[in-house]
Amino acid sequence: MMSMNPFLWLILTVIDIYFWIILAMVVLSWLVAFNVVNRSNPYVRQFGQALEKLTEPLLRPIRRFLPDLGGIDISPIVLLIAMQFLGMLVTRLFVNLGWA
């Protein structure tokens, strides 16, 4: 069995971790919207602020280009699809160059 290139593994792992961070941010926003959790709770507020600081730098530029959908934010979906595309692209690049 051939082992994976450590750089490819690192890139794919970072993409995978960020994927889960975005998913956690989406779930937390739903929980807050449906009053399951309260943002006035210090732990929820701190967790939400951490997720926001991690995700906003990539979501903000996407939101600028998306049309207004009446309060529905699909920027996380666009980012998740772009990240999956990036992972496949990097993998294909490594394979084609013979580095995988």
PDB file of N, CA and C in Angstrom:
ATOM      1  N   MET A   1       0.839  -1.182   0.000  1.00  0.00           N
ATOM      2  CA  MET A   1       0.000   0.000   0.000  1.00  0.00           C
ATOM      3  C   MET A   1       0.883   1.243   0.000  1.00  0.00           C
ATOM      4  N   MET A   2       0.568   2.165  -0.892  1.00  0.00           N
ATOM      5  CA  MET A   2       1.368   3.376  -1.027  1.00  0.00           C
ATOM      6  C   MET A   2       0.885   4.428  -0.030  1.00  0.00           C
ATOM      7  N   SER A   3       1.830   5.097   0.639  1.00  0.00           N
ATOM      8  CA  SER A   3       1.442   6.117   1.610  1.00  0.00           C
ATOM      9  C   SER A   3       1.186   7.447   0.902  1.00  0.00           C
ATOM     10  N   MET A   4       0.404   8.286   1.557  1.00  0.00           N
ATOM     11  CA  MET A   4       0.046   9.580   1.006  1.00  0.00           C
ATOM     12  C   MET A   4       1.162  10.584   1.262  1.00  0.00           C
ATOM     13  N   ASN A   5       1.336  11.477   0.341  1.00  0.00           N
ATOM     14  CA  ASN A   5       2.285  12.569   0.492  1.00  0.00           C
ATOM     15  C   ASN A   5       1.901  13.372   1.734  1.00  0.00           C
ATOM     16  N   PRO A   6       2.853  13.662   2.621  1.00  0.00           N
ATOM     17  CA  PRO A   6       2.508  14.394   3.851  1.00  0.00           C
ATOM     18  C   PRO A   6       1.956  15.796   3.599  1.00  0.00           C
ATOM     19  N   PHE A   7       2.405  16.453   2.537  1.00  0.00           N
ATOM     20  CA  PHE A   7       1.877  17.787   2.232  1.00  0.00           C
ATOM     21  C   PHE A   7       0.433  17.702   1.751  1.00  0.00           C
ATOM     22  N   LEU A   8       0.137  16.694   0.933  1.00  0.00           N
ATOM     23  CA  LEU A   8      -1.242  16.483   0.494  1.00  0.00           C
ATOM     24  C   LEU A   8      -2.123  16.150   1.692  1.00  0.00           C
ATOM     25  N   TRP A   9      -1.637  15.293   2.579  1.00  0.00           N
ATOM     26  CA  TRP A   9      -2.388  14.948   3.782  1.00  0.00           C
ATOM     27  C   TRP A   9      -2.682  16.192   4.616  1.00  0.00           C
ATOM     28  N   LEU A  10      -1.675  17.053   4.790  1.00  0.00           N
ATOM     29  CA  LEU A  10      -1.847  18.272   5.590  1.00  0.00           C
ATOM     30  C   LEU A  10      -2.881  19.200   4.956  1.00  0.00           C
ATOM     31  N   ILE A  11      -2.794  19.410   3.652  1.00  0.00           N
ATOM     32  CA  ILE A  11      -3.739  20.289   2.961  1.00  0.00           C
ATOM     33  C   ILE A  11      -5.160  19.752   3.084  1.00  0.00           C
ATOM     34  N   LEU A  12      -5.342  18.455   2.842  1.00  0.00           N
ATOM     35  CA  LEU A  12      -6.675  17.854   2.927  1.00  0.00           C
ATOM     36  C   LEU A  12      -7.206  17.861   4.357  1.00  0.00           C
ATOM     37  N   THR A  13      -6.335  17.701   5.339  1.00  0.00           N
ATOM     38  CA  THR A  13      -6.754  17.734   6.735  1.00  0.00           C
ATOM     39  C   THR A  13      -7.201  19.135   7.142  1.00  0.00           C
ATOM     40  N   VAL A  14      -6.475  20.152   6.716  1.00  0.00           N
ATOM     41  CA  VAL A  14      -6.863  21.540   7.022  1.00  0.00           C
ATOM     42  C   VAL A  14      -8.211  21.859   6.377  1.00  0.00           C
ATOM     43  N   ILE A  15      -8.400  21.436   5.129  1.00  0.00           N
ATOM     44  CA  ILE A  15      -9.679  21.655   4.450  1.00  0.00           C
ATOM     45  C   ILE A  15     -10.800  20.940   5.205  1.00  0.00           C
ATOM     46  N   ASP A  16     -10.553  19.715   5.641  1.00  0.00           N
ATOM     47  CA  ASP A  16     -11.557  18.941   6.366  1.00  0.00           C
ATOM     48  C   ASP A  16     -11.902  19.583   7.711  1.00  0.00           C
ATOM     49  N   ILE A  17     -10.915  20.042   8.441  1.00  0.00           N
ATOM     50  CA  ILE A  17     -11.170  20.699   9.732  1.00  0.00           C
ATOM     51  C   ILE A  17     -11.974  21.976   9.531  1.00  0.00           C
ATOM     52  N   TYR A  18     -11.609  22.764   8.518  1.00  0.00           N
ATOM     53  CA  TYR A  18     -12.337  24.009   8.263  1.00  0.00           C
ATOM     54  C   TYR A  18     -13.769  23.715   7.819  1.00  0.00           C
ATOM     55  N   PHE A  19     -13.960  22.611   7.096  1.00  0.00           N
ATOM     56  CA  PHE A  19     -15.301  22.176   6.709  1.00  0.00           C
ATOM     57  C   PHE A  19     -16.168  21.995   7.953  1.00  0.00           C
ATOM     58  N   TRP A  20     -15.636  21.318   8.963  1.00  0.00           N
ATOM     59  CA  TRP A  20     -16.395  21.069  10.194  1.00  0.00           C
ATOM     60  C   TRP A  20     -16.604  22.342  11.000  1.00  0.00           C
ATOM     61  N   ILE A  21     -15.654  23.273  10.947  1.00  0.00           N
ATOM     62  CA  ILE A  21     -15.827  24.558  11.629  1.00  0.00           C
ATOM     63  C   ILE A  21     -16.988  25.328  11.010  1.00  0.00           C
ATOM     64  N   ILE A  22     -17.069  25.340   9.690  1.00  0.00           N
ATOM     65  CA  ILE A  22     -18.170  26.028   9.018  1.00  0.00           C
ATOM     66  C   ILE A  22     -19.497  25.352   9.353  1.00  0.00           C
ATOM     67  N   LEU A  23     -19.510  24.036   9.355  1.00  0.00           N
ATOM     68  CA  LEU A  23     -20.724  23.307   9.697  1.00  0.00           C
ATOM     69  C   LEU A  23     -21.164  23.607  11.131  1.00  0.00           C
ATOM     70  N   ALA A  24     -20.214  23.704  12.053  1.00  0.00           N
ATOM     71  CA  ALA A  24     -20.541  24.050  13.442  1.00  0.00           C
ATOM     72  C   ALA A  24     -21.130  25.454  13.528  1.00  0.00           C
ATOM     73  N   MET A  25     -20.595  26.375  12.740  1.00  0.00           N
ATOM     74  CA  MET A  25     -21.107  27.740  12.721  1.00  0.00           C
ATOM     75  C   MET A  25     -22.548  27.766  12.204  1.00  0.00           C
ATOM     76  N   VAL A  26     -22.830  26.997  11.174  1.00  0.00           N
ATOM     77  CA  VAL A  26     -24.182  26.939  10.625  1.00  0.00           C
ATOM     78  C   VAL A  26     -25.158  26.360  11.655  1.00  0.00           C
ATOM     79  N   VAL A  27     -24.771  25.266  12.290  1.00  0.00           N
ATOM     80  CA  VAL A  27     -25.640  24.634  13.290  1.00  0.00           C
ATOM     81  C   VAL A  27     -25.885  25.577  14.469  1.00  0.00           C
ATOM     82  N   LEU A  28     -24.836  26.250  14.927  1.00  0.00           N
ATOM     83  CA  LEU A  28     -25.008  27.190  16.033  1.00  0.00           C
ATOM     84  C   LEU A  28     -25.944  28.325  15.643  1.00  0.00           C
ATOM     85  N   SER A  29     -25.832  28.821  14.433  1.00  0.00           N
ATOM     86  CA  SER A  29     -26.717  29.907  14.006  1.00  0.00           C
ATOM     87  C   SER A  29     -28.171  29.440  13.961  1.00  0.00           C
ATOM     88  N   TRP A  30     -28.403  28.193  13.565  1.00  0.00           N
ATOM     89  CA  TRP A  30     -29.764  27.647  13.579  1.00  0.00           C
ATOM     90  C   TRP A  30     -30.270  27.507  15.010  1.00  0.00           C
ATOM     91  N   LEU A  31     -29.412  27.016  15.890  1.00  0.00           N
ATOM     92  CA  LEU A  31     -29.816  26.840  17.286  1.00  0.00           C
ATOM     93  C   LEU A  31     -30.162  28.174  17.934  1.00  0.00           C
ATOM     94  N   VAL A  32     -29.418  29.209  17.606  1.00  0.00           N
ATOM     95  CA  VAL A  32     -29.718  30.544  18.134  1.00  0.00           C
ATOM     96  C   VAL A  32     -31.010  31.066  17.513  1.00  0.00           C
ATOM     97  N   ALA A  33     -31.188  30.865  16.208  1.00  0.00           N
ATOM     98  CA  ALA A  33     -32.377  31.367  15.520  1.00  0.00           C
ATOM     99  C   ALA A  33     -33.657  30.724  16.053  1.00  0.00           C
ATOM    100  N   PHE A  34     -33.590  29.454  16.436  1.00  0.00           N
ATOM    101  CA  PHE A  34     -34.771  28.753  16.931  1.00  0.00           C
ATOM    102  C   PHE A  34     -34.856  28.747  18.456  1.00  0.00           C
ATOM    103  N   ASN A  35     -34.067  29.615  19.101  1.00  0.00           N
ATOM    104  CA  ASN A  35     -34.069  29.781  20.563  1.00  0.00           C
ATOM    105  C   ASN A  35     -33.802  28.489  21.326  1.00  0.00           C
ATOM    106  N   VAL A  36     -32.965  27.635  20.768  1.00  0.00           N
ATOM    107  CA  VAL A  36     -32.549  26.429  21.482  1.00  0.00           C
ATOM    108  C   VAL A  36     -31.411  26.778  22.432  1.00  0.00           C
ATOM    109  N   VAL A  37     -30.523  27.649  21.974  1.00  0.00           N
ATOM    110  CA  VAL A  37     -29.452  28.169  22.834  1.00  0.00           C
ATOM    111  C   VAL A  37     -29.557  29.685  22.852  1.00  0.00           C
ATOM    112  N   ASN A  38     -29.031  30.276  23.903  1.00  0.00           N
ATOM    113  CA  ASN A  38     -29.134  31.710  24.105  1.00  0.00           C
ATOM    114  C   ASN A  38     -27.755  32.342  24.003  1.00  0.00           C
ATOM    115  N   ARG A  39     -27.621  33.371  23.152  1.00  0.00           N
ATOM    116  CA  ARG A  39     -26.328  34.048  22.978  1.00  0.00           C
ATOM    117  C   ARG A  39     -25.898  34.805  24.237  1.00  0.00           C
ATOM    118  N   SER A  40     -26.783  35.013  25.185  1.00  0.00           N
ATOM    119  CA  SER A  40     -26.381  35.701  26.402  1.00  0.00           C
ATOM    120  C   SER A  40     -25.610  34.772  27.346  1.00  0.00           C
ATOM    121  N   ASN A  41     -25.667  33.478  27.107  1.00  0.00           N
ATOM    122  CA  ASN A  41     -24.855  32.527  27.859  1.00  0.00           C
ATOM    123  C   ASN A  41     -23.387  32.766  27.489  1.00  0.00           C
ATOM    124  N   PRO A  42     -22.505  32.971  28.472  1.00  0.00           N
ATOM    125  CA  PRO A  42     -21.114  33.309  28.149  1.00  0.00           C
ATOM    126  C   PRO A  42     -20.387  32.225  27.342  1.00  0.00           C
ATOM    127  N   TYR A  43     -20.694  30.962  27.585  1.00  0.00           N
ATOM    128  CA  TYR A  43     -20.031  29.892  26.830  1.00  0.00           C
ATOM    129  C   TYR A  43     -20.494  29.866  25.380  1.00  0.00           C
ATOM    130  N   VAL A  44     -21.774  30.038  25.173  1.00  0.00           N
ATOM    131  CA  VAL A  44     -22.314  30.074  23.815  1.00  0.00           C
ATOM    132  C   VAL A  44     -21.783  31.298  23.084  1.00  0.00           C
ATOM    133  N   ARG A  45     -21.751  32.445  23.773  1.00  0.00           N
ATOM    134  CA  ARG A  45     -21.243  33.669  23.159  1.00  0.00           C
ATOM    135  C   ARG A  45     -19.774  33.519  22.772  1.00  0.00           C
ATOM    136  N   GLN A  46     -18.965  32.953  23.648  1.00  0.00           N
ATOM    137  CA  GLN A  46     -17.542  32.771  23.358  1.00  0.00           C
ATOM    138  C   GLN A  46     -17.330  31.794  22.202  1.00  0.00           C
ATOM    139  N   PHE A  47     -18.077  30.698  22.207  1.00  0.00           N
ATOM    140  CA  PHE A  47     -17.977  29.719  21.129  1.00  0.00           C
ATOM    141  C   PHE A  47     -18.414  30.340  19.798  1.00  0.00           C
ATOM    142  N   GLY A  48     -19.497  31.112  19.831  1.00  0.00           N
ATOM    143  CA  GLY A  48     -19.983  31.783  18.625  1.00  0.00           C
ATOM    144  C   GLY A  48     -18.998  32.812  18.100  1.00  0.00           C
ATOM    145  N   GLN A  49     -18.378  33.561  18.995  1.00  0.00           N
ATOM    146  CA  GLN A  49     -17.386  34.552  18.566  1.00  0.00           C
ATOM    147  C   GLN A  49     -16.168  33.884  17.951  1.00  0.00           C
ATOM    148  N   ALA A  50     -15.745  32.765  18.524  1.00  0.00           N
ATOM    149  CA  ALA A  50     -14.600  32.034  17.967  1.00  0.00           C
ATOM    150  C   ALA A  50     -14.928  31.514  16.569  1.00  0.00           C
ATOM    151  N   LEU A  51     -16.116  30.941  16.419  1.00  0.00           N
ATOM    152  CA  LEU A  51     -16.512  30.438  15.096  1.00  0.00           C
ATOM    153  C   LEU A  51     -16.629  31.578  14.091  1.00  0.00           C
ATOM    154  N   GLU A  52     -17.167  32.703  14.534  1.00  0.00           N
ATOM    155  CA  GLU A  52     -17.307  33.854  13.642  1.00  0.00           C
ATOM    156  C   GLU A  52     -15.946  34.379  13.191  1.00  0.00           C
ATOM    157  N   LYS A  53     -14.989  34.452  14.109  1.00  0.00           N
ATOM    158  CA  LYS A  53     -13.655  34.938  13.745  1.00  0.00           C
ATOM    159  C   LYS A  53     -12.949  33.984  12.789  1.00  0.00           C
ATOM    160  N   LEU A  54     -13.256  32.702  12.892  1.00  0.00           N
ATOM    161  CA  LEU A  54     -12.641  31.716  12.003  1.00  0.00           C
ATOM    162  C   LEU A  54     -13.289  31.676  10.625  1.00  0.00           C
ATOM    163  N   THR A  55     -14.577  31.966  10.549  1.00  0.00           N
ATOM    164  CA  THR A  55     -15.288  31.799   9.280  1.00  0.00           C
ATOM    165  C   THR A  55     -15.517  33.094   8.501  1.00  0.00           C
ATOM    166  N   GLU A  56     -15.674  34.202   9.173  1.00  0.00           N
ATOM    167  CA  GLU A  56     -16.006  35.457   8.495  1.00  0.00           C
ATOM    168  C   GLU A  56     -15.003  35.897   7.427  1.00  0.00           C
ATOM    169  N   PRO A  57     -13.693  35.709   7.620  1.00  0.00           N
ATOM    170  CA  PRO A  57     -12.775  36.162   6.574  1.00  0.00           C
ATOM    171  C   PRO A  57     -13.023  35.520   5.203  1.00  0.00           C
ATOM    172  N   LEU A  58     -13.537  34.303   5.174  1.00  0.00           N
ATOM    173  CA  LEU A  58     -13.831  33.671   3.887  1.00  0.00           C
ATOM    174  C   LEU A  58     -15.285  33.838   3.467  1.00  0.00           C
ATOM    175  N   LEU A  59     -16.183  34.004   4.420  1.00  0.00           N
ATOM    176  CA  LEU A  59     -17.597  34.145   4.069  1.00  0.00           C
ATOM    177  C   LEU A  59     -17.943  35.560   3.608  1.00  0.00           C
ATOM    178  N   ARG A  60     -17.304  36.571   4.167  1.00  0.00           N
ATOM    179  CA  ARG A  60     -17.624  37.964   3.837  1.00  0.00           C
ATOM    180  C   ARG A  60     -17.461  38.263   2.339  1.00  0.00           C
ATOM    181  N   PRO A  61     -16.351  37.868   1.700  1.00  0.00           N
ATOM    182  CA  PRO A  61     -16.238  38.150   0.254  1.00  0.00           C
ATOM    183  C   PRO A  61     -17.293  37.411  -0.577  1.00  0.00           C
ATOM    184  N   ILE A  62     -17.677  36.220  -0.158  1.00  0.00           N
ATOM    185  CA  ILE A  62     -18.700  35.472  -0.887  1.00  0.00           C
ATOM    186  C   ILE A  62     -20.042  36.180  -0.775  1.00  0.00           C
ATOM    187  N   ARG A  63     -20.358  36.705   0.402  1.00  0.00           N
ATOM    188  CA  ARG A  63     -21.636  37.400   0.615  1.00  0.00           C
ATOM    189  C   ARG A  63     -21.757  38.646  -0.256  1.00  0.00           C
ATOM    190  N   ARG A  64     -20.626  39.284  -0.570  1.00  0.00           N
ATOM    191  CA  ARG A  64     -20.672  40.483  -1.407  1.00  0.00           C
ATOM    192  C   ARG A  64     -21.152  40.176  -2.818  1.00  0.00           C
ATOM    193  N   PHE A  65     -20.865  38.955  -3.303  1.00  0.00           N
ATOM    194  CA  PHE A  65     -21.205  38.614  -4.681  1.00  0.00           C
ATOM    195  C   PHE A  65     -22.542  37.891  -4.813  1.00  0.00           C
ATOM    196  N   LEU A  66     -23.086  37.399  -3.727  1.00  0.00           N
ATOM    197  CA  LEU A  66     -24.355  36.685  -3.789  1.00  0.00           C
ATOM    198  C   LEU A  66     -25.524  37.659  -3.809  1.00  0.00           C
ATOM    199  N   PRO A  67     -26.572  37.322  -4.544  1.00  0.00           N
ATOM    200  CA  PRO A  67     -27.755  38.198  -4.529  1.00  0.00           C
ATOM    201  C   PRO A  67     -28.491  38.094  -3.198  1.00  0.00           C
ATOM    202  N   ASP A  68     -29.273  39.104  -2.896  1.00  0.00           N
ATOM    203  CA  ASP A  68     -30.059  39.108  -1.672  1.00  0.00           C
ATOM    204  C   ASP A  68     -31.203  38.102  -1.811  1.00  0.00           C
ATOM    205  N   LEU A  69     -31.241  37.132  -0.918  1.00  0.00           N
ATOM    206  CA  LEU A  69     -32.260  36.091  -0.982  1.00  0.00           C
ATOM    207  C   LEU A  69     -33.282  36.242   0.148  1.00  0.00           C
ATOM    208  N   GLY A  70     -33.458  37.442   0.639  1.00  0.00           N
ATOM    209  CA  GLY A  70     -34.466  37.701   1.657  1.00  0.00           C
ATOM    210  C   GLY A  70     -34.150  37.113   3.006  1.00  0.00           C
ATOM    211  N   GLY A  71     -32.945  37.257   3.467  1.00  0.00           N
ATOM    212  CA  GLY A  71     -32.577  36.784   4.794  1.00  0.00           C
ATOM    213  C   GLY A  71     -31.994  35.382   4.834  1.00  0.00           C
ATOM    214  N   ILE A  72     -31.931  34.716   3.702  1.00  0.00           N
ATOM    215  CA  ILE A  72     -31.335  33.378   3.655  1.00  0.00           C
ATOM    216  C   ILE A  72     -29.881  33.529   3.231  1.00  0.00           C
ATOM    217  N   ASP A  73     -28.987  33.047   4.050  1.00  0.00           N
ATOM    218  CA  ASP A  73     -27.552  33.153   3.782  1.00  0.00           C
ATOM    219  C   ASP A  73     -27.045  31.816   3.246  1.00  0.00           C
ATOM    220  N   ILE A  74     -26.729  31.790   1.957  1.00  0.00           N
ATOM    221  CA  ILE A  74     -26.218  30.549   1.362  1.00  0.00           C
ATOM    222  C   ILE A  74     -24.700  30.583   1.181  1.00  0.00           C
ATOM    223  N   SER A  75     -24.055  31.605   1.735  1.00  0.00           N
ATOM    224  CA  SER A  75     -22.600  31.700   1.589  1.00  0.00           C
ATOM    225  C   SER A  75     -21.868  30.505   2.201  1.00  0.00           C
ATOM    226  N   PRO A  76     -22.320  29.927   3.336  1.00  0.00           N
ATOM    227  CA  PRO A  76     -21.624  28.728   3.825  1.00  0.00           C
ATOM    228  C   PRO A  76     -21.708  27.557   2.851  1.00  0.00           C
ATOM    229  N   ILE A  77     -22.827  27.411   2.170  1.00  0.00           N
ATOM    230  CA  ILE A  77     -22.965  26.335   1.190  1.00  0.00           C
ATOM    231  C   ILE A  77     -21.993  26.554   0.037  1.00  0.00           C
ATOM    232  N   VAL A  78     -21.906  27.790  -0.440  1.00  0.00           N
ATOM    233  CA  VAL A  78     -20.976  28.110  -1.527  1.00  0.00           C
ATOM    234  C   VAL A  78     -19.545  27.819  -1.091  1.00  0.00           C
ATOM    235  N   LEU A  79     -19.199  28.201   0.136  1.00  0.00           N
ATOM    236  CA  LEU A  79     -17.846  27.972   0.639  1.00  0.00           C
ATOM    237  C   LEU A  79     -17.553  26.480   0.805  1.00  0.00           C
ATOM    238  N   LEU A  80     -18.517  25.721   1.310  1.00  0.00           N
ATOM    239  CA  LEU A  80     -18.311  24.280   1.470  1.00  0.00           C
ATOM    240  C   LEU A  80     -18.100  23.600   0.123  1.00  0.00           C
ATOM    241  N   ILE A  81     -18.868  23.995  -0.885  1.00  0.00           N
ATOM    242  CA  ILE A  81     -18.692  23.433  -2.224  1.00  0.00           C
ATOM    243  C   ILE A  81     -17.328  23.827  -2.786  1.00  0.00           C
ATOM    244  N   ALA A  82     -16.933  25.078  -2.591  1.00  0.00           N
ATOM    245  CA  ALA A  82     -15.628  25.534  -3.076  1.00  0.00           C
ATOM    246  C   ALA A  82     -14.483  24.787  -2.390  1.00  0.00           C
ATOM    247  N   MET A  83     -14.645  24.509  -1.104  1.00  0.00           N
ATOM    248  CA  MET A  83     -13.597  23.781  -0.387  1.00  0.00           C
ATOM    249  C   MET A  83     -13.498  22.341  -0.875  1.00  0.00           C
ATOM    250  N   GLN A  84     -14.633  21.702  -1.155  1.00  0.00           N
ATOM    251  CA  GLN A  84     -14.601  20.344  -1.694  1.00  0.00           C
ATOM    252  C   GLN A  84     -13.939  20.342  -3.071  1.00  0.00           C
ATOM    253  N   PHE A  85     -14.247  21.347  -3.877  1.00  0.00           N
ATOM    254  CA  PHE A  85     -13.618  21.482  -5.188  1.00  0.00           C
ATOM    255  C   PHE A  85     -12.110  21.664  -5.048  1.00  0.00           C
ATOM    256  N   LEU A  86     -11.702  22.516  -4.111  1.00  0.00           N
ATOM    257  CA  LEU A  86     -10.280  22.756  -3.884  1.00  0.00           C
ATOM    258  C   LEU A  86      -9.566  21.471  -3.461  1.00  0.00           C
ATOM    259  N   GLY A  87     -10.185  20.695  -2.574  1.00  0.00           N
ATOM    260  CA  GLY A  87      -9.591  19.425  -2.156  1.00  0.00           C
ATOM    261  C   GLY A  87      -9.402  18.465  -3.316  1.00  0.00           C
ATOM    262  N   MET A  88     -10.398  18.372  -4.187  1.00  0.00           N
ATOM    263  CA  MET A  88     -10.288  17.500  -5.360  1.00  0.00           C
ATOM    264  C   MET A  88      -9.238  18.014  -6.332  1.00  0.00           C
ATOM    265  N   LEU A  89      -9.194  19.333  -6.498  1.00  0.00           N
ATOM    266  CA  LEU A  89      -8.223  19.945  -7.405  1.00  0.00           C
ATOM    267  C   LEU A  89      -6.791  19.707  -6.927  1.00  0.00           C
ATOM    268  N   VAL A  90      -6.549  19.898  -5.646  1.00  0.00           N
ATOM    269  CA  VAL A  90      -5.216  19.687  -5.083  1.00  0.00           C
ATOM    270  C   VAL A  90      -4.817  18.212  -5.197  1.00  0.00           C
ATOM    271  N   THR A  91      -5.754  17.318  -4.909  1.00  0.00           N
ATOM    272  CA  THR A  91      -5.465  15.891  -5.030  1.00  0.00           C
ATOM    273  C   THR A  91      -5.106  15.537  -6.462  1.00  0.00           C
ATOM    274  N   ARG A  92      -5.892  16.026  -7.415  1.00  0.00           N
ATOM    275  CA  ARG A  92      -5.621  15.750  -8.826  1.00  0.00           C
ATOM    276  C   ARG A  92      -4.272  16.316  -9.240  1.00  0.00           C
ATOM    277  N   LEU A  93      -3.940  17.496  -8.764  1.00  0.00           N
ATOM    278  CA  LEU A  93      -2.664  18.113  -9.076  1.00  0.00           C
ATOM    279  C   LEU A  93      -1.502  17.277  -8.552  1.00  0.00           C
ATOM    280  N   PHE A  94      -1.620  16.815  -7.314  1.00  0.00           N
ATOM    281  CA  PHE A  94      -0.571  15.980  -6.727  1.00  0.00           C
ATOM    282  C   PHE A  94      -0.424  14.667  -7.497  1.00  0.00           C
ATOM    283  N   VAL A  95      -1.542  14.074  -7.888  1.00  0.00           N
ATOM    284  CA  VAL A  95      -1.493  12.808  -8.638  1.00  0.00           C
ATOM    285  C   VAL A  95      -0.876  13.019 -10.001  1.00  0.00           C
ATOM    286  N   ASN A  96      -1.295  14.071 -10.712  1.00  0.00           N
ATOM    287  CA  ASN A  96      -0.767  14.338 -12.051  1.00  0.00           C
ATOM    288  C   ASN A  96       0.719  14.668 -12.036  1.00  0.00           C
ATOM    289  N   LEU A  97       1.179  15.300 -10.977  1.00  0.00           N
ATOM    290  CA  LEU A  97       2.597  15.632 -10.881  1.00  0.00           C
ATOM    291  C   LEU A  97       3.416  14.461 -10.346  1.00  0.00           C
ATOM    292  N   GLY A  98       2.733  13.411  -9.934  1.00  0.00           N
ATOM    293  CA  GLY A  98       3.439  12.241  -9.405  1.00  0.00           C
ATOM    294  C   GLY A  98       3.907  12.400  -7.986  1.00  0.00           C
ATOM    295  N   TRP A  99       3.315  13.339  -7.250  1.00  0.00           N
ATOM    296  CA  TRP A  99       3.734  13.581  -5.878  1.00  0.00           C
ATOM    297  C   TRP A  99       2.891  12.837  -4.866  1.00  0.00           C
ATOM    298  N   ALA A 100       1.808  12.237  -5.303  1.00  0.00           N
ATOM    299  CA  ALA A 100       0.899  11.550  -4.366  1.00  0.00           C
ATOM    300  C   ALA A 100       1.381  10.152  -4.066  1.00  0.00           C
TER     301      ALA A 100
END
